[in-house]
Amino acid sequence: LNPRLEEAVTKGVVLHLVADFELTKARWYWLDEKLVTRSQTYRLSYHALTRQYRLSTGGLHQSFSTLSEAVQVLARLRNWVVVERGDKAVRPGESYEAALRLRLDMTQLPRPFQMTALGNRDWSLASDWKTWQATPPPLPVPEAK
């Protein structure tokens, strides 16, 4: 986070950070086909009474004494199922391109901050897409009994 966003969180503004995931399959005859798109939203807030930062996603909440601890946990995505087992669109053994990014959802900011954020680079937080080749492993064959 840049100093402007750190200051905003410390003053009580809740930041909604969104992790976006995409899985695409290359096609030679047309645009690449998007097979899977997933998003997960994290809320980063500061509570002045307890002097703790809080990171929330869904019904899970974690509290941290420093902002850097909260950001470190946010940097490690864990246990996020992006492709369901048995999804017909994704075939085991085939190669796909996976992409991930983290961004600030400015539509969730309070209205005065949305107006400020429109033309201000300090408020536009978005990482580049991180891409890699992903090949799902073949499903294990159940043993006959």
N, C-alpha and C. Protein backbone atom coordinates (compact mmCIF):
# COMPACT_ATOMS: atom_id res chain seq x y z
N LEU A 1 0.84 -1.18 0.00
CA LEU A 1 0.00 0.00 0.00
C LEU A 1 0.88 1.24 0.00
N ASN A 2 0.45 2.24 -0.70
CA ASN A 2 1.21 3.49 -0.70
C ASN A 2 0.83 4.30 0.55
N PRO A 3 1.60 5.35 0.88
CA PRO A 3 1.33 6.12 2.11
C PRO A 3 -0.07 6.72 2.18
N ARG A 4 -0.64 7.12 1.05
CA ARG A 4 -1.99 7.70 1.04
C ARG A 4 -3.02 6.68 1.49
N LEU A 5 -2.91 5.44 0.99
CA LEU A 5 -3.86 4.40 1.37
C LEU A 5 -3.64 3.95 2.81
N GLU A 6 -2.39 3.90 3.25
CA GLU A 6 -2.11 3.56 4.65
C GLU A 6 -2.75 4.58 5.59
N GLU A 7 -2.63 5.84 5.23
CA GLU A 7 -3.23 6.90 6.04
C GLU A 7 -4.75 6.78 6.06
N ALA A 8 -5.34 6.48 4.91
CA ALA A 8 -6.79 6.34 4.83
C ALA A 8 -7.29 5.21 5.72
N VAL A 9 -6.60 4.07 5.70
CA VAL A 9 -7.01 2.94 6.54
C VAL A 9 -6.87 3.31 8.00
N THR A 10 -5.77 3.95 8.37
CA THR A 10 -5.54 4.33 9.76
C THR A 10 -6.59 5.33 10.25
N LYS A 11 -7.13 6.13 9.34
CA LYS A 11 -8.16 7.11 9.72
C LYS A 11 -9.57 6.52 9.69
N GLY A 12 -9.70 5.23 9.35
CA GLY A 12 -11.00 4.57 9.44
C GLY A 12 -11.68 4.24 8.13
N VAL A 13 -11.02 4.48 7.00
CA VAL A 13 -11.62 4.14 5.70
C VAL A 13 -11.40 2.65 5.45
N VAL A 14 -12.45 1.94 5.12
CA VAL A 14 -12.36 0.51 4.83
C VAL A 14 -11.97 0.34 3.36
N LEU A 15 -10.91 -0.44 3.12
CA LEU A 15 -10.47 -0.72 1.75
C LEU A 15 -10.96 -2.10 1.36
N HIS A 16 -11.57 -2.19 0.19
CA HIS A 16 -12.02 -3.47 -0.36
C HIS A 16 -11.01 -3.86 -1.44
N LEU A 17 -10.24 -4.89 -1.17
CA LEU A 17 -9.24 -5.38 -2.11
C LEU A 17 -9.78 -6.65 -2.75
N VAL A 18 -9.66 -6.74 -4.07
CA VAL A 18 -10.24 -7.85 -4.81
C VAL A 18 -9.12 -8.64 -5.49
N ALA A 19 -9.13 -9.94 -5.27
CA ALA A 19 -8.23 -10.85 -5.98
C ALA A 19 -9.01 -11.43 -7.14
N ASP A 20 -8.51 -11.23 -8.36
CA ASP A 20 -9.16 -11.75 -9.57
C ASP A 20 -8.34 -12.89 -10.14
N PHE A 21 -9.01 -13.97 -10.52
CA PHE A 21 -8.35 -15.13 -11.13
C PHE A 21 -9.05 -15.44 -12.44
N GLU A 22 -8.25 -15.76 -13.46
CA GLU A 22 -8.79 -16.18 -14.75
C GLU A 22 -8.01 -17.38 -15.26
N LEU A 23 -8.73 -18.30 -15.87
CA LEU A 23 -8.12 -19.46 -16.51
C LEU A 23 -8.58 -19.47 -17.96
N THR A 24 -7.63 -19.39 -18.88
CA THR A 24 -7.97 -19.31 -20.30
C THR A 24 -7.29 -20.42 -21.08
N LYS A 25 -7.90 -20.74 -22.20
CA LYS A 25 -7.33 -21.74 -23.11
C LYS A 25 -7.07 -21.05 -24.44
N ALA A 26 -5.85 -21.21 -24.93
CA ALA A 26 -5.47 -20.57 -26.20
C ALA A 26 -6.18 -21.25 -27.36
N ARG A 27 -6.64 -20.42 -28.30
CA ARG A 27 -7.24 -20.92 -29.53
C ARG A 27 -6.53 -20.25 -30.71
N TRP A 28 -6.19 -21.00 -31.72
CA TRP A 28 -5.47 -20.45 -32.84
C TRP A 28 -6.38 -19.69 -33.79
N TYR A 29 -7.68 -19.99 -33.78
CA TYR A 29 -8.59 -19.42 -34.76
C TYR A 29 -9.40 -18.23 -34.25
N TRP A 30 -9.31 -17.93 -32.97
CA TRP A 30 -10.13 -16.87 -32.41
C TRP A 30 -9.46 -16.37 -31.15
N LEU A 31 -10.14 -15.50 -30.44
CA LEU A 31 -9.60 -15.03 -29.16
C LEU A 31 -9.53 -16.19 -28.18
N ASP A 32 -8.66 -16.05 -27.19
CA ASP A 32 -8.55 -17.09 -26.17
C ASP A 32 -9.88 -17.26 -25.44
N GLU A 33 -10.18 -18.48 -25.06
CA GLU A 33 -11.44 -18.79 -24.38
C GLU A 33 -11.26 -18.73 -22.87
N LYS A 34 -12.05 -17.89 -22.20
CA LYS A 34 -12.01 -17.80 -20.75
C LYS A 34 -12.88 -18.91 -20.17
N LEU A 35 -12.25 -19.83 -19.48
CA LEU A 35 -12.98 -20.96 -18.92
C LEU A 35 -13.46 -20.68 -17.50
N VAL A 36 -12.62 -20.01 -16.72
CA VAL A 36 -12.93 -19.77 -15.31
C VAL A 36 -12.58 -18.34 -14.96
N THR A 37 -13.48 -17.64 -14.32
CA THR A 37 -13.18 -16.33 -13.74
C THR A 37 -13.73 -16.34 -12.31
N ARG A 38 -12.87 -16.00 -11.37
CA ARG A 38 -13.26 -15.96 -9.96
C ARG A 38 -12.74 -14.67 -9.35
N SER A 39 -13.46 -14.17 -8.36
CA SER A 39 -13.04 -13.00 -7.59
C SER A 39 -13.30 -13.26 -6.12
N GLN A 40 -12.41 -12.76 -5.31
CA GLN A 40 -12.59 -12.86 -3.86
C GLN A 40 -12.25 -11.49 -3.27
N THR A 41 -13.15 -10.96 -2.43
CA THR A 41 -12.99 -9.64 -1.87
C THR A 41 -12.51 -9.73 -0.42
N TYR A 42 -11.53 -8.89 -0.11
CA TYR A 42 -11.00 -8.77 1.25
C TYR A 42 -11.27 -7.36 1.75
N ARG A 43 -11.69 -7.24 3.00
CA ARG A 43 -11.92 -5.93 3.61
C ARG A 43 -10.79 -5.67 4.59
N LEU A 44 -10.10 -4.55 4.41
CA LEU A 44 -9.03 -4.14 5.31
C LEU A 44 -9.49 -2.90 6.05
N SER A 45 -9.52 -2.99 7.38
CA SER A 45 -10.01 -1.87 8.18
C SER A 45 -9.16 -1.71 9.44
N TYR A 46 -9.32 -0.56 10.09
CA TYR A 46 -8.61 -0.28 11.34
C TYR A 46 -9.64 0.09 12.40
N HIS A 47 -9.50 -0.51 13.58
CA HIS A 47 -10.39 -0.21 14.69
C HIS A 47 -9.60 0.56 15.74
N ALA A 48 -9.99 1.82 15.94
CA ALA A 48 -9.24 2.72 16.82
C ALA A 48 -9.33 2.30 18.29
N LEU A 49 -10.45 1.75 18.72
CA LEU A 49 -10.59 1.35 20.13
C LEU A 49 -9.63 0.23 20.50
N THR A 50 -9.51 -0.76 19.65
CA THR A 50 -8.62 -1.89 19.93
C THR A 50 -7.22 -1.67 19.36
N ARG A 51 -7.07 -0.64 18.52
CA ARG A 51 -5.80 -0.34 17.85
C ARG A 51 -5.29 -1.55 17.07
N GLN A 52 -6.22 -2.17 16.35
CA GLN A 52 -5.86 -3.33 15.54
C GLN A 52 -6.42 -3.19 14.13
N TYR A 53 -5.68 -3.77 13.21
CA TYR A 53 -6.12 -3.83 11.82
C TYR A 53 -6.88 -5.15 11.65
N ARG A 54 -7.91 -5.11 10.83
CA ARG A 54 -8.74 -6.29 10.64
C ARG A 54 -8.84 -6.61 9.16
N LEU A 55 -8.58 -7.86 8.85
CA LEU A 55 -8.69 -8.36 7.48
C LEU A 55 -9.82 -9.38 7.45
N SER A 56 -10.82 -9.13 6.60
CA SER A 56 -12.01 -9.99 6.56
C SER A 56 -12.26 -10.47 5.14
N THR A 57 -12.72 -11.69 5.04
CA THR A 57 -13.21 -12.22 3.78
C THR A 57 -14.36 -13.17 4.11
N GLY A 58 -15.50 -12.89 3.53
CA GLY A 58 -16.68 -13.69 3.86
C GLY A 58 -16.98 -13.56 5.34
N GLY A 59 -17.08 -14.69 6.03
CA GLY A 59 -17.34 -14.69 7.46
C GLY A 59 -16.09 -14.82 8.31
N LEU A 60 -14.92 -14.86 7.68
CA LEU A 60 -13.67 -15.01 8.42
C LEU A 60 -13.03 -13.66 8.69
N HIS A 61 -12.54 -13.49 9.91
CA HIS A 61 -11.89 -12.24 10.31
C HIS A 61 -10.59 -12.56 11.02
N GLN A 62 -9.58 -11.76 10.75
CA GLN A 62 -8.31 -11.86 11.47
C GLN A 62 -7.91 -10.46 11.91
N SER A 63 -7.35 -10.36 13.11
CA SER A 63 -6.89 -9.07 13.62
C SER A 63 -5.37 -9.07 13.71
N PHE A 64 -4.78 -7.90 13.46
CA PHE A 64 -3.33 -7.74 13.45
C PHE A 64 -2.97 -6.46 14.17
N SER A 65 -1.82 -6.46 14.82
CA SER A 65 -1.39 -5.26 15.55
C SER A 65 -0.77 -4.23 14.62
N THR A 66 -0.24 -4.66 13.46
CA THR A 66 0.35 -3.71 12.52
C THR A 66 -0.25 -3.91 11.12
N LEU A 67 -0.19 -2.86 10.34
CA LEU A 67 -0.69 -2.92 8.97
C LEU A 67 0.16 -3.86 8.11
N SER A 68 1.46 -3.88 8.34
CA SER A 68 2.33 -4.73 7.54
C SER A 68 2.01 -6.21 7.75
N GLU A 69 1.61 -6.61 8.96
CA GLU A 69 1.22 -8.00 9.21
C GLU A 69 -0.03 -8.35 8.41
N ALA A 70 -0.98 -7.46 8.37
CA ALA A 70 -2.22 -7.70 7.63
C ALA A 70 -1.94 -7.80 6.13
N VAL A 71 -1.07 -6.95 5.61
CA VAL A 71 -0.75 -6.97 4.19
C VAL A 71 0.03 -8.24 3.84
N GLN A 72 0.88 -8.73 4.74
CA GLN A 72 1.61 -9.97 4.48
C GLN A 72 0.65 -11.15 4.35
N VAL A 73 -0.37 -11.21 5.19
CA VAL A 73 -1.35 -12.28 5.09
C VAL A 73 -2.15 -12.15 3.80
N LEU A 74 -2.46 -10.94 3.42
CA LEU A 74 -3.19 -10.69 2.18
C LEU A 74 -2.38 -11.13 0.97
N ALA A 75 -1.07 -11.05 1.06
CA ALA A 75 -0.20 -11.40 -0.06
C ALA A 75 -0.15 -12.91 -0.31
N ARG A 76 -0.60 -13.71 0.65
CA ARG A 76 -0.58 -15.17 0.50
C ARG A 76 -2.00 -15.70 0.45
N LEU A 77 -2.49 -15.98 -0.74
CA LEU A 77 -3.82 -16.55 -0.89
C LEU A 77 -3.74 -18.05 -0.62
N ARG A 78 -4.63 -18.51 0.25
CA ARG A 78 -4.63 -19.94 0.59
C ARG A 78 -6.04 -20.49 0.56
N ASN A 79 -6.11 -21.78 0.23
CA ASN A 79 -7.38 -22.52 0.27
C ASN A 79 -8.50 -21.83 -0.53
N TRP A 80 -8.14 -21.30 -1.66
CA TRP A 80 -9.13 -20.67 -2.54
C TRP A 80 -9.36 -21.61 -3.72
N VAL A 81 -10.50 -22.24 -3.76
CA VAL A 81 -10.83 -23.18 -4.84
C VAL A 81 -11.31 -22.36 -6.03
N VAL A 82 -10.54 -22.40 -7.10
CA VAL A 82 -10.90 -21.62 -8.29
C VAL A 82 -11.48 -22.51 -9.38
N VAL A 83 -11.17 -23.79 -9.35
CA VAL A 83 -11.73 -24.75 -10.30
C VAL A 83 -12.32 -25.90 -9.50
N GLU A 84 -13.61 -26.11 -9.67
CA GLU A 84 -14.28 -27.20 -8.95
C GLU A 84 -13.86 -28.55 -9.52
N ARG A 85 -13.76 -29.52 -8.66
CA ARG A 85 -13.43 -30.88 -9.09
C ARG A 85 -14.55 -31.39 -10.00
N GLY A 86 -14.17 -31.93 -11.12
CA GLY A 86 -15.16 -32.44 -12.06
C GLY A 86 -15.72 -31.39 -13.00
N ASP A 87 -15.12 -30.19 -13.02
CA ASP A 87 -15.57 -29.13 -13.93
C ASP A 87 -15.30 -29.59 -15.36
N LYS A 88 -16.34 -29.64 -16.17
CA LYS A 88 -16.23 -30.18 -17.54
C LYS A 88 -15.43 -29.28 -18.48
N ALA A 89 -15.33 -27.99 -18.15
CA ALA A 89 -14.61 -27.07 -19.03
C ALA A 89 -13.10 -27.24 -18.93
N VAL A 90 -12.62 -27.77 -17.81
CA VAL A 90 -11.19 -27.93 -17.59
C VAL A 90 -10.87 -29.42 -17.63
N ARG A 91 -10.00 -29.80 -18.58
CA ARG A 91 -9.64 -31.21 -18.74
C ARG A 91 -8.26 -31.49 -18.15
N PRO A 92 -8.14 -32.54 -17.36
CA PRO A 92 -6.84 -32.91 -16.80
C PRO A 92 -5.83 -33.21 -17.90
N GLY A 93 -4.59 -32.78 -17.70
CA GLY A 93 -3.52 -33.04 -18.65
C GLY A 93 -3.37 -31.99 -19.73
N GLU A 94 -4.36 -31.13 -19.93
CA GLU A 94 -4.24 -30.08 -20.94
C GLU A 94 -3.62 -28.83 -20.33
N SER A 95 -2.99 -28.01 -21.18
CA SER A 95 -2.30 -26.81 -20.71
C SER A 95 -3.21 -25.59 -20.83
N TYR A 96 -3.23 -24.79 -19.77
CA TYR A 96 -4.03 -23.57 -19.72
C TYR A 96 -3.16 -22.43 -19.23
N GLU A 97 -3.63 -21.21 -19.45
CA GLU A 97 -2.93 -20.05 -18.91
C GLU A 97 -3.76 -19.50 -17.74
N ALA A 98 -3.11 -19.45 -16.59
CA ALA A 98 -3.76 -18.93 -15.39
C ALA A 98 -3.24 -17.51 -15.15
N ALA A 99 -4.09 -16.65 -14.62
CA ALA A 99 -3.70 -15.27 -14.35
C ALA A 99 -4.32 -14.81 -13.04
N LEU A 100 -3.57 -14.00 -12.30
CA LEU A 100 -4.02 -13.52 -11.00
C LEU A 100 -3.59 -12.08 -10.83
N ARG A 101 -4.46 -11.27 -10.22
CA ARG A 101 -4.10 -9.90 -9.89
C ARG A 101 -4.84 -9.48 -8.61
N LEU A 102 -4.36 -8.42 -7.99
CA LEU A 102 -4.98 -7.85 -6.82
C LEU A 102 -5.24 -6.38 -7.11
N ARG A 103 -6.44 -5.90 -6.77
CA ARG A 103 -6.79 -4.51 -7.08
C ARG A 103 -7.67 -3.94 -5.97
N LEU A 104 -7.69 -2.62 -5.90
CA LEU A 104 -8.56 -1.90 -4.99
C LEU A 104 -9.88 -1.65 -5.69
N ASP A 105 -10.97 -2.04 -5.06
CA ASP A 105 -12.30 -1.80 -5.62
C ASP A 105 -12.75 -0.40 -5.21
N MET A 106 -12.58 0.55 -6.11
CA MET A 106 -12.90 1.95 -5.78
C MET A 106 -14.40 2.20 -5.69
N THR A 107 -15.22 1.30 -6.24
CA THR A 107 -16.66 1.48 -6.15
C THR A 107 -17.18 1.25 -4.73
N GLN A 108 -16.39 0.60 -3.89
CA GLN A 108 -16.79 0.33 -2.51
C GLN A 108 -16.35 1.42 -1.54
N LEU A 109 -15.56 2.38 -2.02
CA LEU A 109 -15.12 3.48 -1.16
C LEU A 109 -16.29 4.41 -0.88
N PRO A 110 -16.24 5.16 0.22
CA PRO A 110 -17.27 6.19 0.45
C PRO A 110 -17.28 7.20 -0.70
N ARG A 111 -18.44 7.77 -1.00
CA ARG A 111 -18.60 8.66 -2.17
C ARG A 111 -17.57 9.78 -2.26
N PRO A 112 -17.25 10.51 -1.18
CA PRO A 112 -16.25 11.57 -1.33
C PRO A 112 -14.88 11.04 -1.78
N PHE A 113 -14.54 9.84 -1.32
CA PHE A 113 -13.25 9.26 -1.72
C PHE A 113 -13.30 8.77 -3.16
N GLN A 114 -14.46 8.34 -3.61
CA GLN A 114 -14.58 7.92 -5.01
C GLN A 114 -14.29 9.09 -5.94
N MET A 115 -14.80 10.26 -5.60
CA MET A 115 -14.56 11.44 -6.43
C MET A 115 -13.08 11.81 -6.42
N THR A 116 -12.45 11.72 -5.27
CA THR A 116 -11.02 12.03 -5.16
C THR A 116 -10.19 11.00 -5.92
N ALA A 117 -10.62 9.75 -5.89
CA ALA A 117 -9.85 8.66 -6.48
C ALA A 117 -9.88 8.67 -8.00
N LEU A 118 -10.88 9.32 -8.61
CA LEU A 118 -11.02 9.27 -10.07
C LEU A 118 -9.76 9.73 -10.80
N GLY A 119 -9.21 10.85 -10.44
CA GLY A 119 -8.06 11.36 -11.17
C GLY A 119 -6.75 11.29 -10.42
N ASN A 120 -6.74 10.58 -9.29
CA ASN A 120 -5.56 10.57 -8.44
C ASN A 120 -4.87 9.21 -8.49
N ARG A 121 -3.61 9.19 -8.85
CA ARG A 121 -2.86 7.94 -8.96
C ARG A 121 -2.63 7.28 -7.61
N ASP A 122 -2.65 8.06 -6.52
CA ASP A 122 -2.44 7.49 -5.19
C ASP A 122 -3.56 6.52 -4.80
N TRP A 123 -4.72 6.71 -5.38
CA TRP A 123 -5.86 5.87 -5.04
C TRP A 123 -6.06 4.71 -6.00
N SER A 124 -5.35 4.69 -7.09
CA SER A 124 -5.51 3.59 -8.05
C SER A 124 -4.48 2.51 -7.74
N LEU A 125 -4.94 1.49 -7.08
CA LEU A 125 -4.07 0.39 -6.69
C LEU A 125 -4.49 -0.85 -7.45
N ALA A 126 -3.62 -1.35 -8.29
CA ALA A 126 -3.88 -2.59 -9.02
C ALA A 126 -2.55 -3.18 -9.45
N SER A 127 -2.37 -4.45 -9.18
CA SER A 127 -1.15 -5.10 -9.63
C SER A 127 -1.31 -5.50 -11.10
N ASP A 128 -0.20 -5.79 -11.73
CA ASP A 128 -0.26 -6.34 -13.08
C ASP A 128 -0.76 -7.78 -12.98
N TRP A 129 -1.27 -8.30 -14.09
CA TRP A 129 -1.68 -9.70 -14.11
C TRP A 129 -0.43 -10.57 -14.03
N LYS A 130 -0.39 -11.48 -13.11
CA LYS A 130 0.68 -12.47 -13.00
C LYS A 130 0.17 -13.72 -13.71
N THR A 131 0.86 -14.14 -14.78
CA THR A 131 0.39 -15.28 -15.56
C THR A 131 1.37 -16.44 -15.47
N TRP A 132 0.84 -17.65 -15.61
CA TRP A 132 1.67 -18.85 -15.62
C TRP A 132 0.91 -19.96 -16.34
N GLN A 133 1.65 -20.96 -16.79
CA GLN A 133 1.04 -22.11 -17.44
C GLN A 133 0.60 -23.11 -16.38
N ALA A 134 -0.63 -23.56 -16.46
CA ALA A 134 -1.17 -24.50 -15.49
C ALA A 134 -1.67 -25.74 -16.23
N THR A 135 -1.30 -26.90 -15.72
CA THR A 135 -1.75 -28.18 -16.26
C THR A 135 -2.36 -28.99 -15.13
N PRO A 136 -3.68 -29.12 -15.10
CA PRO A 136 -4.30 -29.91 -14.02
C PRO A 136 -3.84 -31.37 -14.08
N PRO A 137 -3.54 -31.95 -12.94
CA PRO A 137 -3.11 -33.35 -12.93
C PRO A 137 -4.28 -34.28 -13.25
N PRO A 138 -3.98 -35.46 -13.78
CA PRO A 138 -5.07 -36.39 -14.05
C PRO A 138 -5.74 -36.84 -12.75
N LEU A 139 -7.04 -37.08 -12.83
CA LEU A 139 -7.78 -37.52 -11.65
C LEU A 139 -7.39 -38.96 -11.31
N PRO A 140 -7.27 -39.28 -10.03
CA PRO A 140 -6.94 -40.66 -9.66
C PRO A 140 -8.09 -41.61 -10.02
N VAL A 141 -7.72 -42.79 -10.49
CA VAL A 141 -8.71 -43.79 -10.86
C VAL A 141 -9.07 -44.58 -9.60
N PRO A 142 -10.35 -44.64 -9.25
CA PRO A 142 -10.73 -45.40 -8.06
C PRO A 142 -10.48 -46.88 -8.26
N GLU A 143 -10.01 -47.54 -7.19
CA GLU A 143 -9.72 -48.98 -7.26
C GLU A 143 -11.03 -49.76 -7.22
N ALA A 144 -11.05 -50.83 -8.01
CA ALA A 144 -12.23 -51.70 -8.02
C ALA A 144 -12.20 -52.59 -6.78
N LYS A 145 -13.38 -52.80 -6.21
CA LYS A 145 -13.45 -53.62 -4.99
C LYS A 145 -14.09 -54.94 -5.30
